Amino acid sequence: MIDGAGAHMETQYSAADLTERKRRRIRLARLEADIAYFQARLEMIGEPKTANQLTQRKAFVLLLKTVSTKVAKVQRERPG
């Protein structure tokens, strides 16, 4: 009985590991989509011609850097 319970616990841990891996993959995909969006917005703004465009550009550059840092962190957390 104890061996059977141990095998069941092992299965639960494996399921938990799979769920965590799935969450990481989803989080990474969302962050990468955010990066693509920020890059596209920066491309659309181009060289700012107005104060509003300059402000938008600064905001998107900051967001891009922040999200890129998060992507690097998530990638480091991934199990080998």
C-alpha atoms as a PDB file:
ATOM      1  CA  MET A   1       0.000   0.000   0.000  1.00  0.00           C
ATOM      2  CA  ILE A   2       2.745   2.445   0.839  1.00  0.00           C
ATOM      3  CA  ASP A   3       4.467   1.806  -2.496  1.00  0.00           C
ATOM      4  CA  GLY A   4       1.191   2.456  -4.319  1.00  0.00           C
ATOM      5  CA  ALA A   5       0.701   5.707  -2.440  1.00  0.00           C
ATOM      6  CA  GLY A   6       4.256   6.739  -3.294  1.00  0.00           C
ATOM      7  CA  ALA A   7       3.653   6.099  -6.975  1.00  0.00           C
ATOM      8  CA  HIS A   8       0.479   8.164  -6.797  1.00  0.00           C
ATOM      9  CA  MET A   9       2.368  11.052  -5.166  1.00  0.00           C
ATOM     10  CA  GLU A  10       5.024  10.817  -7.861  1.00  0.00           C
ATOM     11  CA  THR A  11       2.318  11.120 -10.529  1.00  0.00           C
ATOM     12  CA  GLN A  12       0.903  14.188  -8.794  1.00  0.00           C
ATOM     13  CA  TYR A  13       4.299  15.856  -8.770  1.00  0.00           C
ATOM     14  CA  SER A  14       4.755  15.085 -12.434  1.00  0.00           C
ATOM     15  CA  ALA A  15       1.359  16.607 -13.224  1.00  0.00           C
ATOM     16  CA  ALA A  16       2.271  19.680 -11.167  1.00  0.00           C
ATOM     17  CA  ASP A  17       5.576  19.968 -13.020  1.00  0.00           C
ATOM     18  CA  LEU A  18       3.777  19.760 -16.366  1.00  0.00           C
ATOM     19  CA  THR A  19       1.304  22.423 -15.282  1.00  0.00           C
ATOM     20  CA  GLU A  20       4.143  24.717 -14.195  1.00  0.00           C
ATOM     21  CA  ARG A  21       5.959  24.194 -17.493  1.00  0.00           C
ATOM     22  CA  LYS A  22       2.773  24.980 -19.380  1.00  0.00           C
ATOM     23  CA  ARG A  23       2.323  28.190 -17.362  1.00  0.00           C
ATOM     24  CA  ARG A  24       5.896  29.237 -18.099  1.00  0.00           C
ATOM     25  CA  ARG A  25       5.456  28.598 -21.832  1.00  0.00           C
ATOM     26  CA  ILE A  26       2.232  30.609 -21.870  1.00  0.00           C
ATOM     27  CA  ARG A  27       3.814  33.444 -19.880  1.00  0.00           C
ATOM     28  CA  LEU A  28       6.805  33.492 -22.209  1.00  0.00           C
ATOM     29  CA  ALA A  29       4.564  33.527 -25.293  1.00  0.00           C
ATOM     30  CA  ARG A  30       2.545  36.432 -23.892  1.00  0.00           C
ATOM     31  CA  LEU A  31       5.675  38.415 -23.078  1.00  0.00           C
ATOM     32  CA  GLU A  32       7.080  37.761 -26.552  1.00  0.00           C
ATOM     33  CA  ALA A  33       3.792  38.951 -28.070  1.00  0.00           C
ATOM     34  CA  ASP A  34       4.070  42.129 -25.989  1.00  0.00           C
ATOM     35  CA  ILE A  35       7.598  42.670 -27.294  1.00  0.00           C
ATOM     36  CA  ALA A  36       6.406  42.285 -30.889  1.00  0.00           C
ATOM     37  CA  TYR A  37       3.622  44.804 -30.232  1.00  0.00           C
ATOM     38  CA  PHE A  38       6.000  47.368 -28.713  1.00  0.00           C
ATOM     39  CA  GLN A  39       8.445  46.931 -31.591  1.00  0.00           C
ATOM     40  CA  ALA A  40       5.637  47.449 -34.106  1.00  0.00           C
ATOM     41  CA  ARG A  41       4.473  50.591 -32.327  1.00  0.00           C
ATOM     42  CA  LEU A  42       8.002  51.965 -32.296  1.00  0.00           C
ATOM     43  CA  GLU A  43       8.297  51.202 -35.999  1.00  0.00           C
ATOM     44  CA  MET A  44       5.018  53.014 -36.682  1.00  0.00           C
ATOM     45  CA  ILE A  45       6.096  56.074 -34.696  1.00  0.00           C
ATOM     46  CA  GLY A  46       9.440  56.253 -36.481  1.00  0.00           C
ATOM     47  CA  GLU A  47      11.207  59.544 -35.915  1.00  0.00           C
ATOM     48  CA  PRO A  48       8.952  61.563 -33.611  1.00  0.00           C
ATOM     49  CA  LYS A  49       7.637  64.755 -35.172  1.00  0.00           C
ATOM     50  CA  THR A  50       5.517  65.899 -32.243  1.00  0.00           C
ATOM     51  CA  ALA A  51       5.866  66.011 -28.472  1.00  0.00           C
ATOM     52  CA  ASN A  52       3.138  63.361 -28.236  1.00  0.00           C
ATOM     53  CA  GLN A  53       5.047  61.003 -30.531  1.00  0.00           C
ATOM     54  CA  LEU A  54       8.235  61.601 -28.557  1.00  0.00           C
ATOM     55  CA  THR A  55       6.427  60.734 -25.326  1.00  0.00           C
ATOM     56  CA  GLN A  56       4.918  57.614 -26.893  1.00  0.00           C
ATOM     57  CA  ARG A  57       8.318  56.573 -28.186  1.00  0.00           C
ATOM     58  CA  LYS A  58       9.896  56.983 -24.749  1.00  0.00           C
ATOM     59  CA  ALA A  59       7.086  54.964 -23.155  1.00  0.00           C
ATOM     60  CA  PHE A  60       7.337  52.115 -25.672  1.00  0.00           C
ATOM     61  CA  VAL A  61      11.137  51.982 -25.395  1.00  0.00           C
ATOM     62  CA  LEU A  62      10.801  51.693 -21.612  1.00  0.00           C
ATOM     63  CA  LEU A  63       8.088  49.036 -21.915  1.00  0.00           C
ATOM     64  CA  LEU A  64      10.200  47.110 -24.426  1.00  0.00           C
ATOM     65  CA  LYS A  65      13.203  47.117 -22.082  1.00  0.00           C
ATOM     66  CA  THR A  66      11.089  46.088 -19.093  1.00  0.00           C
ATOM     67  CA  VAL A  67       9.360  43.226 -20.877  1.00  0.00           C
ATOM     68  CA  SER A  68      12.645  42.070 -22.430  1.00  0.00           C
ATOM     69  CA  THR A  69      14.084  41.846 -18.910  1.00  0.00           C
ATOM     70  CA  LYS A  70      11.075  39.773 -17.829  1.00  0.00           C
ATOM     71  CA  VAL A  71      11.549  37.421 -20.790  1.00  0.00           C
ATOM     72  CA  ALA A  72      15.186  36.888 -19.809  1.00  0.00           C
ATOM     73  CA  LYS A  73      14.109  36.160 -16.229  1.00  0.00           C
ATOM     74  CA  VAL A  74      11.475  33.616 -17.317  1.00  0.00           C
ATOM     75  CA  GLN A  75      13.997  31.930 -19.607  1.00  0.00           C
ATOM     76  CA  ARG A  76      16.503  31.631 -16.752  1.00  0.00           C
ATOM     77  CA  GLU A  77      13.807  30.076 -14.536  1.00  0.00           C
ATOM     78  CA  ARG A  78      13.055  27.353 -17.084  1.00  0.00           C
ATOM     79  CA  PRO A  79      14.197  23.940 -16.011  1.00  0.00           C
ATOM     80  CA  GLY A  80      17.034  22.542 -18.108  1.00  0.00           C
END
